Amino acid sequence: MKNEFKKEVIENYLKINRISKMKFCKLCGVSLYTLKKIMNNNLNYRIDALFKIAKVINIQVSQMFSED
């Protein structure tokens, strides 16, 4: 059982709100480097970054992962 990050959650948010990844990172308070790591399923990042992103998108952290 492997839970993978659903990067389409962020991609859809960016598309709907017509903002760049850089502006999104500023809204969330995370670096672009951290965002790239999260979207590429690299597990080497601080967990609080997920909570910051979820707060901006207005979803729960659990909704950001697949349930395989």
PDB file of N, CA and C in Angstrom:
ATOM      1  N   MET A   1       0.843  -1.185   0.000  1.00  0.00           N
ATOM      2  CA  MET A   1       0.000   0.000   0.000  1.00  0.00           C
ATOM      3  C   MET A   1       0.884   1.242   0.000  1.00  0.00           C
ATOM      4  N   LYS A   2       0.786   1.994  -1.055  1.00  0.00           N
ATOM      5  CA  LYS A   2       1.627   3.183  -1.186  1.00  0.00           C
ATOM      6  C   LYS A   2       0.738   4.391  -1.459  1.00  0.00           C
ATOM      7  N   ASN A   3       0.753   5.335  -0.550  1.00  0.00           N
ATOM      8  CA  ASN A   3      -0.013   6.565  -0.744  1.00  0.00           C
ATOM      9  C   ASN A   3       0.851   7.566  -1.489  1.00  0.00           C
ATOM     10  N   GLU A   4       0.391   7.966  -2.656  1.00  0.00           N
ATOM     11  CA  GLU A   4       1.134   8.940  -3.442  1.00  0.00           C
ATOM     12  C   GLU A   4       0.403  10.266  -3.449  1.00  0.00           C
ATOM     13  N   PHE A   5       1.180  11.315  -3.518  1.00  0.00           N
ATOM     14  CA  PHE A   5       0.629  12.668  -3.561  1.00  0.00           C
ATOM     15  C   PHE A   5      -0.098  12.875  -4.883  1.00  0.00           C
ATOM     16  N   LYS A   6      -1.313  13.411  -4.818  1.00  0.00           N
ATOM     17  CA  LYS A   6      -2.090  13.705  -6.022  1.00  0.00           C
ATOM     18  C   LYS A   6      -1.751  15.126  -6.471  1.00  0.00           C
ATOM     19  N   LYS A   7      -0.770  15.216  -7.365  1.00  0.00           N
ATOM     20  CA  LYS A   7      -0.329  16.543  -7.789  1.00  0.00           C
ATOM     21  C   LYS A   7      -1.391  17.290  -8.576  1.00  0.00           C
ATOM     22  N   GLU A   8      -2.397  16.564  -9.090  1.00  0.00           N
ATOM     23  CA  GLU A   8      -3.467  17.248  -9.824  1.00  0.00           C
ATOM     24  C   GLU A   8      -4.278  18.166  -8.923  1.00  0.00           C
ATOM     25  N   VAL A   9      -4.240  17.945  -7.624  1.00  0.00           N
ATOM     26  CA  VAL A   9      -4.935  18.834  -6.682  1.00  0.00           C
ATOM     27  C   VAL A   9      -4.349  20.241  -6.789  1.00  0.00           C
ATOM     28  N   ILE A  10      -3.038  20.328  -6.768  1.00  0.00           N
ATOM     29  CA  ILE A  10      -2.367  21.630  -6.874  1.00  0.00           C
ATOM     30  C   ILE A  10      -2.477  22.170  -8.299  1.00  0.00           C
ATOM     31  N   GLU A  11      -2.279  21.309  -9.283  1.00  0.00           N
ATOM     32  CA  GLU A  11      -2.358  21.754 -10.675  1.00  0.00           C
ATOM     33  C   GLU A  11      -3.729  22.333 -10.996  1.00  0.00           C
ATOM     34  N   ASN A  12      -4.786  21.692 -10.513  1.00  0.00           N
ATOM     35  CA  ASN A  12      -6.136  22.204 -10.741  1.00  0.00           C
ATOM     36  C   ASN A  12      -6.347  23.539 -10.039  1.00  0.00           C
ATOM     37  N   TYR A  13      -5.837  23.676  -8.817  1.00  0.00           N
ATOM     38  CA  TYR A  13      -5.954  24.933  -8.082  1.00  0.00           C
ATOM     39  C   TYR A  13      -5.253  26.060  -8.844  1.00  0.00           C
ATOM     40  N   LEU A  14      -4.057  25.781  -9.361  1.00  0.00           N
ATOM     41  CA  LEU A  14      -3.309  26.788 -10.112  1.00  0.00           C
ATOM     42  C   LEU A  14      -4.065  27.195 -11.376  1.00  0.00           C
ATOM     43  N   LYS A  15      -4.630  26.210 -12.053  1.00  0.00           N
ATOM     44  CA  LYS A  15      -5.346  26.477 -13.300  1.00  0.00           C
ATOM     45  C   LYS A  15      -6.629  27.277 -13.044  1.00  0.00           C
ATOM     46  N   ILE A  16      -7.409  26.855 -12.055  1.00  0.00           N
ATOM     47  CA  ILE A  16      -8.678  27.520 -11.743  1.00  0.00           C
ATOM     48  C   ILE A  16      -8.458  28.967 -11.303  1.00  0.00           C
ATOM     49  N   ASN A  17      -7.437  29.185 -10.476  1.00  0.00           N
ATOM     50  CA  ASN A  17      -7.175  30.522  -9.946  1.00  0.00           C
ATOM     51  C   ASN A  17      -6.203  31.333 -10.791  1.00  0.00           C
ATOM     52  N   ARG A  18      -5.710  30.732 -11.864  1.00  0.00           N
ATOM     53  CA  ARG A  18      -4.795  31.395 -12.800  1.00  0.00           C
ATOM     54  C   ARG A  18      -3.618  32.066 -12.098  1.00  0.00           C
ATOM     55  N   ILE A  19      -2.917  31.268 -11.303  1.00  0.00           N
ATOM     56  CA  ILE A  19      -1.720  31.774 -10.632  1.00  0.00           C
ATOM     57  C   ILE A  19      -0.538  30.867 -10.942  1.00  0.00           C
ATOM     58  N   SER A  20       0.647  31.419 -10.813  1.00  0.00           N
ATOM     59  CA  SER A  20       1.868  30.655 -11.067  1.00  0.00           C
ATOM     60  C   SER A  20       2.248  29.844  -9.831  1.00  0.00           C
ATOM     61  N   LYS A  21       3.151  28.907 -10.033  1.00  0.00           N
ATOM     62  CA  LYS A  21       3.643  28.118  -8.902  1.00  0.00           C
ATOM     63  C   LYS A  21       4.350  29.018  -7.893  1.00  0.00           C
ATOM     64  N   MET A  22       5.068  30.011  -8.392  1.00  0.00           N
ATOM     65  CA  MET A  22       5.793  30.918  -7.505  1.00  0.00           C
ATOM     66  C   MET A  22       4.827  31.713  -6.629  1.00  0.00           C
ATOM     67  N   LYS A  23       3.764  32.231  -7.206  1.00  0.00           N
ATOM     68  CA  LYS A  23       2.778  32.981  -6.426  1.00  0.00           C
ATOM     69  C   LYS A  23       2.088  32.057  -5.425  1.00  0.00           C
ATOM     70  N   PHE A  24       1.790  30.839  -5.850  1.00  0.00           N
ATOM     71  CA  PHE A  24       1.185  29.849  -4.962  1.00  0.00           C
ATOM     72  C   PHE A  24       2.096  29.564  -3.766  1.00  0.00           C
ATOM     73  N   CYS A  25       3.374  29.427  -4.025  1.00  0.00           N
ATOM     74  CA  CYS A  25       4.341  29.178  -2.946  1.00  0.00           C
ATOM     75  C   CYS A  25       4.366  30.336  -1.955  1.00  0.00           C
ATOM     76  N   LYS A  26       4.286  31.558  -2.459  1.00  0.00           N
ATOM     77  CA  LYS A  26       4.262  32.717  -1.572  1.00  0.00           C
ATOM     78  C   LYS A  26       3.002  32.732  -0.721  1.00  0.00           C
ATOM     79  N   LEU A  27       1.870  32.370  -1.324  1.00  0.00           N
ATOM     80  CA  LEU A  27       0.616  32.295  -0.566  1.00  0.00           C
ATOM     81  C   LEU A  27       0.708  31.257   0.555  1.00  0.00           C
ATOM     82  N   CYS A  28       1.340  30.143   0.252  1.00  0.00           N
ATOM     83  CA  CYS A  28       1.437  29.037   1.219  1.00  0.00           C
ATOM     84  C   CYS A  28       2.553  29.236   2.234  1.00  0.00           C
ATOM     85  N   GLY A  29       3.572  29.968   1.861  1.00  0.00           N
ATOM     86  CA  GLY A  29       4.719  30.127   2.743  1.00  0.00           C
ATOM     87  C   GLY A  29       5.686  28.961   2.655  1.00  0.00           C
ATOM     88  N   VAL A  30       5.762  28.353   1.458  1.00  0.00           N
ATOM     89  CA  VAL A  30       6.724  27.274   1.221  1.00  0.00           C
ATOM     90  C   VAL A  30       7.593  27.668   0.034  1.00  0.00           C
ATOM     91  N   SER A  31       8.746  27.054  -0.070  1.00  0.00           N
ATOM     92  CA  SER A  31       9.630  27.376  -1.184  1.00  0.00           C
ATOM     93  C   SER A  31       9.216  26.601  -2.428  1.00  0.00           C
ATOM     94  N   LEU A  32       9.630  27.093  -3.580  1.00  0.00           N
ATOM     95  CA  LEU A  32       9.357  26.416  -4.839  1.00  0.00           C
ATOM     96  C   LEU A  32      10.044  25.051  -4.843  1.00  0.00           C
ATOM     97  N   TYR A  33      11.217  24.986  -4.261  1.00  0.00           N
ATOM     98  CA  TYR A  33      11.964  23.732  -4.157  1.00  0.00           C
ATOM     99  C   TYR A  33      11.168  22.696  -3.362  1.00  0.00           C
ATOM    100  N   THR A  34      10.567  23.103  -2.268  1.00  0.00           N
ATOM    101  CA  THR A  34       9.746  22.196  -1.454  1.00  0.00           C
ATOM    102  C   THR A  34       8.523  21.745  -2.240  1.00  0.00           C
ATOM    103  N   LEU A  35       7.882  22.656  -2.944  1.00  0.00           N
ATOM    104  CA  LEU A  35       6.715  22.302  -3.744  1.00  0.00           C
ATOM    105  C   LEU A  35       7.072  21.265  -4.801  1.00  0.00           C
ATOM    106  N   LYS A  36       8.207  21.444  -5.444  1.00  0.00           N
ATOM    107  CA  LYS A  36       8.641  20.478  -6.456  1.00  0.00           C
ATOM    108  C   LYS A  36       8.888  19.111  -5.838  1.00  0.00           C
ATOM    109  N   LYS A  37       9.482  19.082  -4.652  1.00  0.00           N
ATOM    110  CA  LYS A  37       9.719  17.806  -3.977  1.00  0.00           C
ATOM    111  C   LYS A  37       8.401  17.117  -3.643  1.00  0.00           C
ATOM    112  N   ILE A  38       7.437  17.876  -3.166  1.00  0.00           N
ATOM    113  CA  ILE A  38       6.135  17.311  -2.823  1.00  0.00           C
ATOM    114  C   ILE A  38       5.452  16.758  -4.070  1.00  0.00           C
ATOM    115  N   MET A  39       5.455  17.503  -5.145  1.00  0.00           N
ATOM    116  CA  MET A  39       4.763  17.090  -6.355  1.00  0.00           C
ATOM    117  C   MET A  39       5.436  15.909  -7.049  1.00  0.00           C
ATOM    118  N   ASN A  40       6.721  15.709  -6.791  1.00  0.00           N
ATOM    119  CA  ASN A  40       7.441  14.583  -7.380  1.00  0.00           C
ATOM    120  C   ASN A  40       7.503  13.376  -6.442  1.00  0.00           C
ATOM    121  N   ASN A  41       6.720  13.397  -5.370  1.00  0.00           N
ATOM    122  CA  ASN A  41       6.664  12.317  -4.387  1.00  0.00           C
ATOM    123  C   ASN A  41       8.009  12.023  -3.732  1.00  0.00           C
ATOM    124  N   ASN A  42       8.844  13.049  -3.638  1.00  0.00           N
ATOM    125  CA  ASN A  42      10.080  12.936  -2.889  1.00  0.00           C
ATOM    126  C   ASN A  42       9.722  13.152  -1.421  1.00  0.00           C
ATOM    127  N   LEU A  43      10.025  12.196  -0.581  1.00  0.00           N
ATOM    128  CA  LEU A  43       9.572  12.255   0.810  1.00  0.00           C
ATOM    129  C   LEU A  43      10.507  13.049   1.718  1.00  0.00           C
ATOM    130  N   ASN A  44      11.401  13.804   1.155  1.00  0.00           N
ATOM    131  CA  ASN A  44      12.368  14.555   1.942  1.00  0.00           C
ATOM    132  C   ASN A  44      11.946  16.029   2.064  1.00  0.00           C
ATOM    133  N   TYR A  45      10.889  16.273   2.835  1.00  0.00           N
ATOM    134  CA  TYR A  45      10.425  17.636   3.105  1.00  0.00           C
ATOM    135  C   TYR A  45       9.742  17.656   4.460  1.00  0.00           C
ATOM    136  N   ARG A  46       9.564  18.844   5.004  1.00  0.00           N
ATOM    137  CA  ARG A  46       8.903  18.968   6.313  1.00  0.00           C
ATOM    138  C   ARG A  46       7.401  18.815   6.152  1.00  0.00           C
ATOM    139  N   ILE A  47       6.812  18.101   7.059  1.00  0.00           N
ATOM    140  CA  ILE A  47       5.381  17.786   7.001  1.00  0.00           C
ATOM    141  C   ILE A  47       4.511  19.041   7.110  1.00  0.00           C
ATOM    142  N   ASP A  48       4.998  20.069   7.774  1.00  0.00           N
ATOM    143  CA  ASP A  48       4.191  21.278   7.926  1.00  0.00           C
ATOM    144  C   ASP A  48       3.913  21.966   6.584  1.00  0.00           C
ATOM    145  N   ALA A  49       4.732  21.686   5.576  1.00  0.00           N
ATOM    146  CA  ALA A  49       4.494  22.249   4.243  1.00  0.00           C
ATOM    147  C   ALA A  49       3.158  21.751   3.684  1.00  0.00           C
ATOM    148  N   LEU A  50       2.832  20.496   3.942  1.00  0.00           N
ATOM    149  CA  LEU A  50       1.553  19.954   3.479  1.00  0.00           C
ATOM    150  C   LEU A  50       0.376  20.665   4.131  1.00  0.00           C
ATOM    151  N   PHE A  51       0.507  20.958   5.419  1.00  0.00           N
ATOM    152  CA  PHE A  51      -0.570  21.649   6.130  1.00  0.00           C
ATOM    153  C   PHE A  51      -0.736  23.082   5.633  1.00  0.00           C
ATOM    154  N   LYS A  52       0.370  23.741   5.303  1.00  0.00           N
ATOM    155  CA  LYS A  52       0.299  25.098   4.765  1.00  0.00           C
ATOM    156  C   LYS A  52      -0.405  25.107   3.403  1.00  0.00           C
ATOM    157  N   ILE A  53      -0.067  24.136   2.570  1.00  0.00           N
ATOM    158  CA  ILE A  53      -0.687  24.034   1.244  1.00  0.00           C
ATOM    159  C   ILE A  53      -2.166  23.712   1.377  1.00  0.00           C
ATOM    160  N   ALA A  54      -2.491  22.759   2.228  1.00  0.00           N
ATOM    161  CA  ALA A  54      -3.895  22.363   2.424  1.00  0.00           C
ATOM    162  C   ALA A  54      -4.736  23.527   2.922  1.00  0.00           C
ATOM    163  N   LYS A  55      -4.159  24.368   3.769  1.00  0.00           N
ATOM    164  CA  LYS A  55      -4.888  25.521   4.298  1.00  0.00           C
ATOM    165  C   LYS A  55      -5.236  26.508   3.184  1.00  0.00           C
ATOM    166  N   VAL A  56      -4.302  26.743   2.280  1.00  0.00           N
ATOM    167  CA  VAL A  56      -4.540  27.671   1.173  1.00  0.00           C
ATOM    168  C   VAL A  56      -5.576  27.099   0.198  1.00  0.00           C
ATOM    169  N   ILE A  57      -5.457  25.815  -0.105  1.00  0.00           N
ATOM    170  CA  ILE A  57      -6.380  25.176  -1.037  1.00  0.00           C
ATOM    171  C   ILE A  57      -7.737  24.931  -0.385  1.00  0.00           C
ATOM    172  N   ASN A  58      -7.764  24.929   0.932  1.00  0.00           N
ATOM    173  CA  ASN A  58      -8.978  24.719   1.720  1.00  0.00           C
ATOM    174  C   ASN A  58      -9.477  23.271   1.635  1.00  0.00           C
ATOM    175  N   ILE A  59      -8.539  22.336   1.824  1.00  0.00           N
ATOM    176  CA  ILE A  59      -8.864  20.913   1.890  1.00  0.00           C
ATOM    177  C   ILE A  59      -8.093  20.306   3.049  1.00  0.00           C
ATOM    178  N   GLN A  60      -8.405  19.053   3.363  1.00  0.00           N
ATOM    179  CA  GLN A  60      -7.658  18.342   4.390  1.00  0.00           C
ATOM    180  C   GLN A  60      -6.440  17.686   3.750  1.00  0.00           C
ATOM    181  N   VAL A  61      -5.396  17.503   4.534  1.00  0.00           N
ATOM    182  CA  VAL A  61      -4.166  16.901   4.035  1.00  0.00           C
ATOM    183  C   VAL A  61      -4.434  15.512   3.465  1.00  0.00           C
ATOM    184  N   SER A  62      -5.304  14.760   4.083  1.00  0.00           N
ATOM    185  CA  SER A  62      -5.591  13.400   3.612  1.00  0.00           C
ATOM    186  C   SER A  62      -6.165  13.386   2.200  1.00  0.00           C
ATOM    187  N   GLN A  63      -6.816  14.457   1.790  1.00  0.00           N
ATOM    188  CA  GLN A  63      -7.383  14.542   0.439  1.00  0.00           C
ATOM    189  C   GLN A  63      -6.318  14.755  -0.618  1.00  0.00           C
ATOM    190  N   MET A  64      -5.094  15.026  -0.206  1.00  0.00           N
ATOM    191  CA  MET A  64      -4.005  15.285  -1.128  1.00  0.00           C
ATOM    192  C   MET A  64      -3.270  14.009  -1.519  1.00  0.00           C
ATOM    193  N   PHE A  65      -3.698  12.872  -0.980  1.00  0.00           N
ATOM    194  CA  PHE A  65      -3.025  11.609  -1.254  1.00  0.00           C
ATOM    195  C   PHE A  65      -3.995  10.584  -1.814  1.00  0.00           C
ATOM    196  N   SER A  66      -3.472   9.715  -2.688  1.00  0.00           N
ATOM    197  CA  SER A  66      -4.295   8.635  -3.238  1.00  0.00           C
ATOM    198  C   SER A  66      -4.529   7.584  -2.167  1.00  0.00           C
ATOM    199  N   GLU A  67      -5.582   6.819  -2.321  1.00  0.00           N
ATOM    200  CA  GLU A  67      -5.940   5.812  -1.326  1.00  0.00           C
ATOM    201  C   GLU A  67      -5.702   4.400  -1.847  1.00  0.00           C
ATOM    202  N   ASP A  68      -4.635   4.188  -2.597  1.00  0.00           N
ATOM    203  CA  ASP A  68      -4.339   2.858  -3.161  1.00  0.00           C
ATOM    204  C   ASP A  68      -4.097   1.844  -2.096  1.00  0.00           C
TER     205      ASP A  68
END
